[in-house]
Amino acid sequence: MSREKKIQFNVNEKEYERLKSHAESEGLSMAEVLRDYIKTLTPPKGGRTTSHD
């Protein structure tokens, strides 16, 4: 079973408004937009991992 992790970070006003506008135009939440973007990322080269399991 996969456990969800929480991420928090700050953005400036312009970045916030850009994300909010994009999310609204797509009918998504801002979190969904960010999750969808993360899914498009390719694994890092060189075999570097961040898993500590």
PDB file of N, CA and C in Angstrom:
ATOM      1  N   MET A   1       0.848  -1.178   0.000  1.00  0.00           N
ATOM      2  CA  MET A   1       0.000   0.000   0.000  1.00  0.00           C
ATOM      3  C   MET A   1       0.897   1.246   0.000  1.00  0.00           C
ATOM      4  N   SER A   2       0.564   2.194  -0.810  1.00  0.00           N
ATOM      5  CA  SER A   2       1.334   3.430  -0.931  1.00  0.00           C
ATOM      6  C   SER A   2       0.854   4.464   0.079  1.00  0.00           C
ATOM      7  N   ARG A   3       1.802   5.071   0.776  1.00  0.00           N
ATOM      8  CA  ARG A   3       1.444   6.145   1.707  1.00  0.00           C
ATOM      9  C   ARG A   3       1.651   7.480   1.016  1.00  0.00           C
ATOM     10  N   GLU A   4       0.729   8.380   1.237  1.00  0.00           N
ATOM     11  CA  GLU A   4       0.855   9.713   0.657  1.00  0.00           C
ATOM     12  C   GLU A   4       1.781  10.556   1.509  1.00  0.00           C
ATOM     13  N   LYS A   5       2.526  11.424   0.846  1.00  0.00           N
ATOM     14  CA  LYS A   5       3.433  12.353   1.519  1.00  0.00           C
ATOM     15  C   LYS A   5       2.937  13.765   1.284  1.00  0.00           C
ATOM     16  N   LYS A   6       3.192  14.632   2.231  1.00  0.00           N
ATOM     17  CA  LYS A   6       2.774  16.028   2.118  1.00  0.00           C
ATOM     18  C   LYS A   6       3.984  16.884   1.749  1.00  0.00           C
ATOM     19  N   ILE A   7       3.784  17.790   0.799  1.00  0.00           N
ATOM     20  CA  ILE A   7       4.830  18.714   0.375  1.00  0.00           C
ATOM     21  C   ILE A   7       4.307  20.127   0.568  1.00  0.00           C
ATOM     22  N   GLN A   8       5.127  20.978   1.152  1.00  0.00           N
ATOM     23  CA  GLN A   8       4.779  22.388   1.295  1.00  0.00           C
ATOM     24  C   GLN A   8       5.931  23.224   0.764  1.00  0.00           C
ATOM     25  N   PHE A   9       5.613  24.265   0.003  1.00  0.00           N
ATOM     26  CA  PHE A   9       6.635  25.198  -0.450  1.00  0.00           C
ATOM     27  C   PHE A   9       5.981  26.523  -0.777  1.00  0.00           C
ATOM     28  N   ASN A  10       6.787  27.546  -0.825  1.00  0.00           N
ATOM     29  CA  ASN A  10       6.284  28.891  -1.090  1.00  0.00           C
ATOM     30  C   ASN A  10       6.459  29.261  -2.552  1.00  0.00           C
ATOM     31  N   VAL A  11       5.514  30.023  -3.057  1.00  0.00           N
ATOM     32  CA  VAL A  11       5.600  30.600  -4.396  1.00  0.00           C
ATOM     33  C   VAL A  11       5.290  32.084  -4.272  1.00  0.00           C
ATOM     34  N   ASN A  12       5.763  32.849  -5.237  1.00  0.00           N
ATOM     35  CA  ASN A  12       5.436  34.273  -5.190  1.00  0.00           C
ATOM     36  C   ASN A  12       4.030  34.493  -5.750  1.00  0.00           C
ATOM     37  N   GLU A  13       3.541  35.706  -5.638  1.00  0.00           N
ATOM     38  CA  GLU A  13       2.168  36.032  -6.056  1.00  0.00           C
ATOM     39  C   GLU A  13       1.925  35.711  -7.531  1.00  0.00           C
ATOM     40  N   LYS A  14       2.889  36.047  -8.379  1.00  0.00           N
ATOM     41  CA  LYS A  14       2.745  35.804  -9.818  1.00  0.00           C
ATOM     42  C   LYS A  14       2.655  34.301 -10.109  1.00  0.00           C
ATOM     43  N   GLU A  15       3.508  33.512  -9.472  1.00  0.00           N
ATOM     44  CA  GLU A  15       3.478  32.060  -9.664  1.00  0.00           C
ATOM     45  C   GLU A  15       2.158  31.474  -9.172  1.00  0.00           C
ATOM     46  N   TYR A  16       1.685  31.958  -8.025  1.00  0.00           N
ATOM     47  CA  TYR A  16       0.419  31.485  -7.465  1.00  0.00           C
ATOM     48  C   TYR A  16      -0.733  31.770  -8.419  1.00  0.00           C
ATOM     49  N   GLU A  17      -0.801  32.994  -8.906  1.00  0.00           N
ATOM     50  CA  GLU A  17      -1.890  33.367  -9.810  1.00  0.00           C
ATOM     51  C   GLU A  17      -1.819  32.590 -11.120  1.00  0.00           C
ATOM     52  N   ARG A  18      -0.616  32.340 -11.595  1.00  0.00           N
ATOM     53  CA  ARG A  18      -0.453  31.564 -12.833  1.00  0.00           C
ATOM     54  C   ARG A  18      -0.942  30.127 -12.633  1.00  0.00           C
ATOM     55  N   LEU A  19      -0.567  29.520 -11.525  1.00  0.00           N
ATOM     56  CA  LEU A  19      -1.013  28.162 -11.223  1.00  0.00           C
ATOM     57  C   LEU A  19      -2.522  28.113 -11.035  1.00  0.00           C
ATOM     58  N   LYS A  20      -3.058  29.055 -10.290  1.00  0.00           N
ATOM     59  CA  LYS A  20      -4.503  29.105 -10.039  1.00  0.00           C
ATOM     60  C   LYS A  20      -5.280  29.270 -11.339  1.00  0.00           C
ATOM     61  N   SER A  21      -4.830  30.173 -12.193  1.00  0.00           N
ATOM     62  CA  SER A  21      -5.495  30.416 -13.471  1.00  0.00           C
ATOM     63  C   SER A  21      -5.466  29.171 -14.353  1.00  0.00           C
ATOM     64  N   HIS A  22      -4.311  28.522 -14.399  1.00  0.00           N
ATOM     65  CA  HIS A  22      -4.190  27.306 -15.214  1.00  0.00           C
ATOM     66  C   HIS A  22      -5.118  26.214 -14.678  1.00  0.00           C
ATOM     67  N   ALA A  23      -5.125  26.033 -13.374  1.00  0.00           N
ATOM     68  CA  ALA A  23      -5.981  25.010 -12.766  1.00  0.00           C
ATOM     69  C   ALA A  23      -7.451  25.272 -13.075  1.00  0.00           C
ATOM     70  N   GLU A  24      -7.877  26.513 -12.918  1.00  0.00           N
ATOM     71  CA  GLU A  24      -9.276  26.857 -13.191  1.00  0.00           C
ATOM     72  C   GLU A  24      -9.630  26.622 -14.655  1.00  0.00           C
ATOM     73  N   SER A  25      -8.726  26.959 -15.557  1.00  0.00           N
ATOM     74  CA  SER A  25      -9.014  26.787 -16.987  1.00  0.00           C
ATOM     75  C   SER A  25      -9.118  25.314 -17.372  1.00  0.00           C
ATOM     76  N   GLU A  26      -8.442  24.450 -16.611  1.00  0.00           N
ATOM     77  CA  GLU A  26      -8.481  23.008 -16.880  1.00  0.00           C
ATOM     78  C   GLU A  26      -9.537  22.287 -16.041  1.00  0.00           C
ATOM     79  N   GLY A  27     -10.192  23.005 -15.146  1.00  0.00           N
ATOM     80  CA  GLY A  27     -11.181  22.386 -14.269  1.00  0.00           C
ATOM     81  C   GLY A  27     -10.559  21.478 -13.221  1.00  0.00           C
ATOM     82  N   LEU A  28      -9.344  21.818 -12.794  1.00  0.00           N
ATOM     83  CA  LEU A  28      -8.617  21.008 -11.827  1.00  0.00           C
ATOM     84  C   LEU A  28      -8.282  21.832 -10.594  1.00  0.00           C
ATOM     85  N   SER A  29      -7.920  21.146  -9.532  1.00  0.00           N
ATOM     86  CA  SER A  29      -7.389  21.858  -8.369  1.00  0.00           C
ATOM     87  C   SER A  29      -5.914  22.159  -8.637  1.00  0.00           C
ATOM     88  N   MET A  30      -5.367  23.085  -7.871  1.00  0.00           N
ATOM     89  CA  MET A  30      -3.944  23.391  -8.027  1.00  0.00           C
ATOM     90  C   MET A  30      -3.098  22.166  -7.685  1.00  0.00           C
ATOM     91  N   ALA A  31      -3.517  21.396  -6.692  1.00  0.00           N
ATOM     92  CA  ALA A  31      -2.790  20.180  -6.321  1.00  0.00           C
ATOM     93  C   ALA A  31      -2.786  19.173  -7.469  1.00  0.00           C
ATOM     94  N   GLU A  32      -3.920  19.042  -8.159  1.00  0.00           N
ATOM     95  CA  GLU A  32      -3.988  18.112  -9.292  1.00  0.00           C
ATOM     96  C   GLU A  32      -3.044  18.534 -10.414  1.00  0.00           C
ATOM     97  N   VAL A  33      -2.962  19.830 -10.667  1.00  0.00           N
ATOM     98  CA  VAL A  33      -2.046  20.329 -11.700  1.00  0.00           C
ATOM     99  C   VAL A  33      -0.614  19.945 -11.340  1.00  0.00           C
ATOM    100  N   LEU A  34      -0.238  20.155 -10.092  1.00  0.00           N
ATOM    101  CA  LEU A  34       1.124  19.827  -9.667  1.00  0.00           C
ATOM    102  C   LEU A  34       1.372  18.323  -9.693  1.00  0.00           C
ATOM    103  N   ARG A  35       0.397  17.519  -9.263  1.00  0.00           N
ATOM    104  CA  ARG A  35       0.554  16.059  -9.327  1.00  0.00           C
ATOM    105  C   ARG A  35       0.722  15.594 -10.767  1.00  0.00           C
ATOM    106  N   ASP A  36      -0.084  16.148 -11.671  1.00  0.00           N
ATOM    107  CA  ASP A  36       0.029  15.781 -13.084  1.00  0.00           C
ATOM    108  C   ASP A  36       1.397  16.148 -13.637  1.00  0.00           C
ATOM    109  N   TYR A  37       1.921  17.303 -13.233  1.00  0.00           N
ATOM    110  CA  TYR A  37       3.248  17.710 -13.698  1.00  0.00           C
ATOM    111  C   TYR A  37       4.320  16.751 -13.186  1.00  0.00           C
ATOM    112  N   ILE A  38       4.246  16.379 -11.924  1.00  0.00           N
ATOM    113  CA  ILE A  38       5.237  15.469 -11.349  1.00  0.00           C
ATOM    114  C   ILE A  38       5.267  14.150 -12.113  1.00  0.00           C
ATOM    115  N   LYS A  39       4.113  13.688 -12.558  1.00  0.00           N
ATOM    116  CA  LYS A  39       4.041  12.434 -13.320  1.00  0.00           C
ATOM    117  C   LYS A  39       4.793  12.512 -14.638  1.00  0.00           C
ATOM    118  N   THR A  40       5.016  13.722 -15.162  1.00  0.00           N
ATOM    119  CA  THR A  40       5.718  13.869 -16.441  1.00  0.00           C
ATOM    120  C   THR A  40       7.232  13.884 -16.279  1.00  0.00           C
ATOM    121  N   LEU A  41       7.731  13.974 -15.055  1.00  0.00           N
ATOM    122  CA  LEU A  41       9.172  14.049 -14.826  1.00  0.00           C
ATOM    123  C   LEU A  41       9.830  12.708 -15.113  1.00  0.00           C
ATOM    124  N   THR A  42      11.007  12.752 -15.717  1.00  0.00           N
ATOM    125  CA  THR A  42      11.756  11.530 -15.988  1.00  0.00           C
ATOM    126  C   THR A  42      12.685  11.243 -14.812  1.00  0.00           C
ATOM    127  N   PRO A  43      13.019   9.970 -14.609  1.00  0.00           N
ATOM    128  CA  PRO A  43      13.927   9.628 -13.509  1.00  0.00           C
ATOM    129  C   PRO A  43      15.292  10.288 -13.715  1.00  0.00           C
ATOM    130  N   PRO A  44      15.971  10.642 -12.628  1.00  0.00           N
ATOM    131  CA  PRO A  44      17.293  11.253 -12.766  1.00  0.00           C
ATOM    132  C   PRO A  44      18.290  10.264 -13.355  1.00  0.00           C
ATOM    133  N   LYS A  45      19.256  10.776 -14.092  1.00  0.00           N
ATOM    134  CA  LYS A  45      20.297   9.922 -14.670  1.00  0.00           C
ATOM    135  C   LYS A  45      21.334   9.608 -13.606  1.00  0.00           C
ATOM    136  N   GLY A  46      22.050   8.499 -13.798  1.00  0.00           N
ATOM    137  CA  GLY A  46      23.121   8.153 -12.877  1.00  0.00           C
ATOM    138  C   GLY A  46      22.698   7.249 -11.738  1.00  0.00           C
ATOM    139  N   GLY A  47      21.455   6.805 -11.737  1.00  0.00           N
ATOM    140  CA  GLY A  47      21.003   5.858 -10.732  1.00  0.00           C
ATOM    141  C   GLY A  47      20.810   6.429  -9.344  1.00  0.00           C
ATOM    142  N   ARG A  48      20.826   7.727  -9.210  1.00  0.00           N
ATOM    143  CA  ARG A  48      20.643   8.351  -7.894  1.00  0.00           C
ATOM    144  C   ARG A  48      19.205   8.148  -7.429  1.00  0.00           C
ATOM    145  N   THR A  49      19.039   7.686  -6.217  1.00  0.00           N
ATOM    146  CA  THR A  49      17.703   7.493  -5.659  1.00  0.00           C
ATOM    147  C   THR A  49      17.589   8.248  -4.348  1.00  0.00           C
ATOM    148  N   THR A  50      16.361   8.466  -3.932  1.00  0.00           N
ATOM    149  CA  THR A  50      16.121   9.146  -2.663  1.00  0.00           C
ATOM    150  C   THR A  50      15.337   8.268  -1.703  1.00  0.00           C
ATOM    151  N   SER A  51      15.137   7.014  -2.059  1.00  0.00           N
ATOM    152  CA  SER A  51      14.362   6.109  -1.213  1.00  0.00           C
ATOM    153  C   SER A  51      15.158   5.726   0.029  1.00  0.00           C
ATOM    154  N   HIS A  52      14.490   5.742   1.175  1.00  0.00           N
ATOM    155  CA  HIS A  52      15.133   5.368   2.426  1.00  0.00           C
ATOM    156  C   HIS A  52      14.419   4.196   3.083  1.00  0.00           C
ATOM    157  N   ASP A  53      13.691   3.405   2.308  1.00  0.00           N
ATOM    158  CA  ASP A  53      12.908   2.291   2.868  1.00  0.00           C
ATOM    159  C   ASP A  53      13.774   1.133   3.264  1.00  0.00           C
TER     160      ASP A  53
END
